[in-house]
Amino acid sequence: MIDFSPLWATMKEKGVTQYRLLQDGILDNRSLSALKHDKNVTLLTLEPLCKALDCTLDAIVRFTEDTENEKEEDAAH
């Protein structure tokens, strides 16, 4: 499972708000929503984010094991 919780911690640490990322054109509303809901995004979305935050991918995303519930939900779609 994709987990973007490190992103929010990195943003807080660097003093960068969601509003700023939108205003500076780093993210659009759709990408921000995907990040908030731990949905898939492309590297084309993550690269400018890393540049804006002066960080590497591991500071914004981590991968975790799917629980049985999540596996069943994925199979249903």
Protein backbone atom coordinates (compact mmCIF):
# COMPACT_ATOMS: atom_id res chain seq x y z
CA MET A 1 0.00 0.00 0.00
CA ILE A 2 1.19 3.51 -0.78
CA ASP A 3 1.47 5.79 2.25
CA PHE A 4 2.08 9.51 1.80
CA SER A 5 2.15 10.33 5.53
CA PRO A 6 5.89 11.14 5.32
CA LEU A 7 4.96 13.95 2.89
CA TRP A 8 2.86 15.77 5.45
CA ALA A 9 5.61 15.50 8.08
CA THR A 10 8.21 16.78 5.60
CA MET A 11 5.98 19.67 4.59
CA LYS A 12 5.45 20.63 8.23
CA GLU A 13 9.18 20.40 8.93
CA LYS A 14 9.97 22.64 5.94
CA GLY A 15 7.10 25.07 6.59
CA VAL A 16 5.43 24.38 3.24
CA THR A 17 1.63 24.41 3.03
CA GLN A 18 -0.72 22.66 0.64
CA TYR A 19 -1.87 26.11 -0.46
CA ARG A 20 1.68 27.08 -1.41
CA LEU A 21 2.14 23.91 -3.48
CA LEU A 22 -1.07 24.72 -5.35
CA GLN A 23 -0.26 28.42 -5.78
CA ASP A 24 3.28 27.71 -7.01
CA GLY A 25 1.98 25.19 -9.55
CA ILE A 26 3.84 22.28 -7.93
CA LEU A 27 0.58 20.32 -7.61
CA ASP A 28 -2.91 20.61 -9.03
CA ASN A 29 -6.07 19.88 -7.02
CA ARG A 30 -6.42 16.39 -8.47
CA SER A 31 -2.87 15.38 -7.53
CA LEU A 32 -3.22 16.86 -4.05
CA SER A 33 -6.43 14.89 -3.54
CA ALA A 34 -4.70 11.68 -4.69
CA LEU A 35 -1.87 12.28 -2.22
CA LYS A 36 -4.32 12.95 0.63
CA HIS A 37 -6.09 9.67 -0.07
CA ASP A 38 -2.92 7.60 -0.63
CA LYS A 39 -3.82 6.97 -4.26
CA ASN A 40 -1.40 6.32 -7.10
CA VAL A 41 0.44 9.29 -8.58
CA THR A 42 3.12 9.38 -11.24
CA LEU A 43 6.78 10.18 -10.88
CA LEU A 44 6.02 13.30 -12.92
CA THR A 45 4.00 14.44 -9.90
CA LEU A 46 6.55 13.39 -7.31
CA GLU A 47 9.63 14.88 -8.99
CA PRO A 48 8.60 18.55 -8.71
CA LEU A 49 7.36 17.86 -5.20
CA CYS A 50 10.79 16.54 -4.19
CA LYS A 51 12.46 19.55 -5.82
CA ALA A 52 10.13 22.01 -4.06
CA LEU A 53 10.73 20.34 -0.70
CA ASP A 54 14.43 19.71 -1.38
CA CYS A 55 14.09 16.07 -0.43
CA THR A 56 14.21 12.54 -1.80
CA LEU A 57 11.30 10.19 -2.43
CA ASP A 58 11.68 8.45 0.92
CA ALA A 59 10.80 11.75 2.62
CA ILE A 60 7.39 11.82 0.94
CA VAL A 61 6.27 8.23 0.35
CA ARG A 62 6.61 4.78 1.88
CA PHE A 63 5.19 1.40 0.98
CA THR A 64 3.47 -0.83 3.50
CA GLU A 65 2.05 -4.33 3.36
CA ASP A 66 -1.60 -4.56 2.33
CA THR A 67 -3.92 -5.88 5.00
CA GLU A 68 -6.30 -8.71 4.11
CA ASN A 69 -9.17 -6.19 4.05
CA GLU A 70 -7.36 -3.99 1.52
CA LYS A 71 -6.53 -7.00 -0.67
CA GLU A 72 -10.21 -7.98 -0.72
CA GLU A 73 -11.27 -4.42 -1.59
CA ASP A 74 -8.74 -4.27 -4.43
CA ALA A 75 -9.95 -7.62 -5.78
CA ALA A 76 -13.54 -6.35 -5.75
CA HIS A 77 -12.64 -3.45 -8.08
